[in-house]
Protein backbone atom coordinates (compact mmCIF):
# COMPACT_ATOMS: atom_id res chain seq x y z
CA MET A 1 172.27 90.78 325.29
CA LEU A 2 172.95 88.28 328.00
CA THR A 3 169.72 87.16 329.76
CA VAL A 4 168.84 85.42 333.03
CA ARG A 5 168.14 82.30 330.99
CA ASP A 6 171.75 82.18 329.83
CA VAL A 7 173.17 82.19 333.33
CA MET A 8 170.56 80.76 335.72
CA VAL A 9 170.83 77.27 337.22
CA PRO A 10 167.73 75.23 336.27
CA GLN A 11 168.23 72.51 338.82
CA VAL A 12 166.83 74.14 342.03
CA VAL A 13 166.63 72.36 345.36
CA THR A 14 163.36 73.12 347.13
CA ILE A 15 162.06 72.46 350.62
CA SER A 16 158.72 72.64 352.40
CA PRO A 17 158.28 75.53 354.83
CA TYR A 18 157.17 73.03 357.47
CA SER A 19 160.49 71.10 357.36
CA THR A 20 162.74 71.66 360.38
CA LEU A 21 165.90 73.63 360.18
CA ARG A 22 167.85 70.44 360.81
CA GLU A 23 166.21 68.84 357.74
CA ALA A 24 167.09 71.98 355.69
CA LEU A 25 170.73 71.91 356.74
CA SER A 26 170.92 68.19 356.03
CA THR A 27 169.46 68.81 352.60
CA MET A 28 171.96 71.58 351.90
CA LYS A 29 174.82 69.33 352.98
CA ASP A 30 173.55 66.28 350.96
CA ARG A 31 172.80 68.30 347.77
CA GLN A 32 175.87 70.50 348.29
CA VAL A 33 174.02 73.81 347.92
CA LYS A 34 174.13 77.09 349.83
CA SER A 35 170.51 77.86 349.60
CA LEU A 36 167.05 76.31 349.21
CA VAL A 37 163.96 77.72 347.59
CA VAL A 38 161.03 77.46 349.96
CA ASP A 39 158.04 75.81 348.16
CA ARG A 40 154.72 77.50 347.93
CA GLN A 41 151.94 75.67 349.67
CA HIS A 42 149.23 77.13 347.44
CA ALA A 43 149.22 78.67 343.99
CA HIS A 44 148.74 82.14 345.43
CA ASP A 45 151.64 81.84 347.94
CA ALA A 46 155.07 83.42 347.31
CA TYR A 47 158.37 81.51 347.07
CA GLY A 48 160.90 81.92 349.81
CA MET A 49 164.62 81.50 350.22
CA LEU A 50 166.62 79.89 353.01
CA SER A 51 170.37 80.35 352.83
CA TYR A 52 173.32 79.98 355.08
CA ARG A 53 172.79 83.59 356.20
CA GLU A 54 169.31 82.92 357.51
CA LEU A 55 170.54 79.73 359.27
CA LEU A 56 173.44 81.49 360.83
CA ASP A 57 171.24 84.30 362.11
CA THR A 58 168.46 81.98 363.46
CA VAL A 59 170.50 79.10 364.87
CA VAL A 60 173.72 80.66 365.96
CA ALA A 61 173.15 84.33 366.58
CA GLN A 62 169.62 83.96 368.13
CA GLU A 63 170.33 80.45 369.52
CA GLY A 64 167.28 79.01 367.91
CA ASP A 65 166.57 75.30 368.24
CA ILE A 66 167.37 73.58 364.96
CA ASP A 67 164.84 70.75 365.71
CA LEU A 68 161.98 72.94 366.86
CA LEU A 69 162.08 75.77 364.37
CA ASN A 70 160.73 75.22 360.83
CA VAL A 71 162.06 76.64 357.57
CA TYR A 72 159.21 79.14 357.61
CA ASP A 73 160.54 80.58 360.86
CA ALA A 74 163.92 81.41 359.36
CA ALA A 75 163.43 81.88 355.60
CA THR A 76 163.03 85.11 353.67
CA ILE A 77 159.47 85.01 352.28
CA PRO A 78 158.57 86.45 349.89
CA VAL A 79 161.71 86.68 347.70
CA ILE A 80 162.21 88.83 344.58
CA THR A 81 161.44 86.79 341.50
CA VAL A 82 162.44 87.56 337.94
CA ASN A 83 161.60 86.36 334.46
CA GLU A 84 164.16 84.34 332.43
CA ASP A 85 164.02 86.99 329.68
CA LEU A 86 165.33 89.78 331.97
CA SER A 87 168.77 91.04 331.08
CA VAL A 88 171.56 89.98 333.35
CA ARG A 89 172.48 93.66 333.75
CA GLN A 90 168.98 94.42 335.15
CA ALA A 91 169.05 91.33 337.39
CA ALA A 92 172.44 92.49 338.73
CA THR A 93 171.07 95.93 339.38
CA LEU A 94 168.30 94.38 341.47
CA MET A 95 170.66 92.25 343.41
CA SER A 96 172.98 95.20 344.09
CA ARG A 97 170.03 97.59 345.08
CA TYR A 98 168.60 95.12 347.50
CA HIS A 99 171.74 93.38 348.72
CA LEU A 100 170.79 90.01 347.33
CA SER A 101 172.98 87.18 346.34
CA ARG A 102 170.25 85.16 344.71
CA LEU A 103 167.03 85.59 342.69
CA VAL A 104 164.36 83.03 342.05
CA VAL A 105 163.56 82.71 338.34
CA VAL A 106 159.91 82.09 337.39
CA GLU A 107 157.91 81.63 334.21
CA GLY A 108 154.45 82.93 334.88
CA ASN A 109 154.29 81.82 338.52
CA GLU A 110 156.17 78.55 338.22
CA LEU A 111 159.76 78.09 339.47
CA ILE A 112 162.23 77.38 336.73
CA GLY A 113 165.54 78.38 338.09
CA LEU A 114 167.84 80.26 340.38
CA LEU A 115 170.18 83.08 339.52
CA ALA A 116 173.09 83.57 341.85
CA MET A 117 175.66 86.36 342.01
CA ASN A 118 178.34 83.74 341.76
CA ASP A 119 176.96 82.49 338.48
CA ILE A 120 176.93 85.95 336.99
CA LEU A 121 180.44 86.54 337.98
CA ALA A 122 181.61 83.10 336.80
CA ARG A 123 180.05 83.91 333.38
CA LEU A 124 181.77 87.23 333.34
CA MET A 125 185.13 85.63 334.05
CA GLU A 126 184.52 83.03 331.30
CA ASP A 127 183.81 85.77 328.81
CA LEU A 128 186.98 87.66 329.83
CA ILE A 129 189.30 84.75 329.46
């Protein structure tokens, strides 16, 4: 059985919820990623996600100010988190049901990776060839 651990990306780029959207966009460009995991400020807080989709909605569609708005203003918080031992099939079902392209992977309550729809499909194509 293929698990989230087998497919996830362990190198996750994070950002503070208090960073500006300009800083977030700059980080995404510099690190060549399409999404950032929003850090928790306290142990009881939830992780968040900021992707191109939220940036497009906040900055372009709603004409938000990229220098005045913080990550917290645009990010999806909380996000759905999964354990690394979950089957990829179950993770894909969650993604499909909730129209998600990424899931945050945690062990206990600590961030350990990111599972993207693209990673699942890439692995599927590898296995087919």
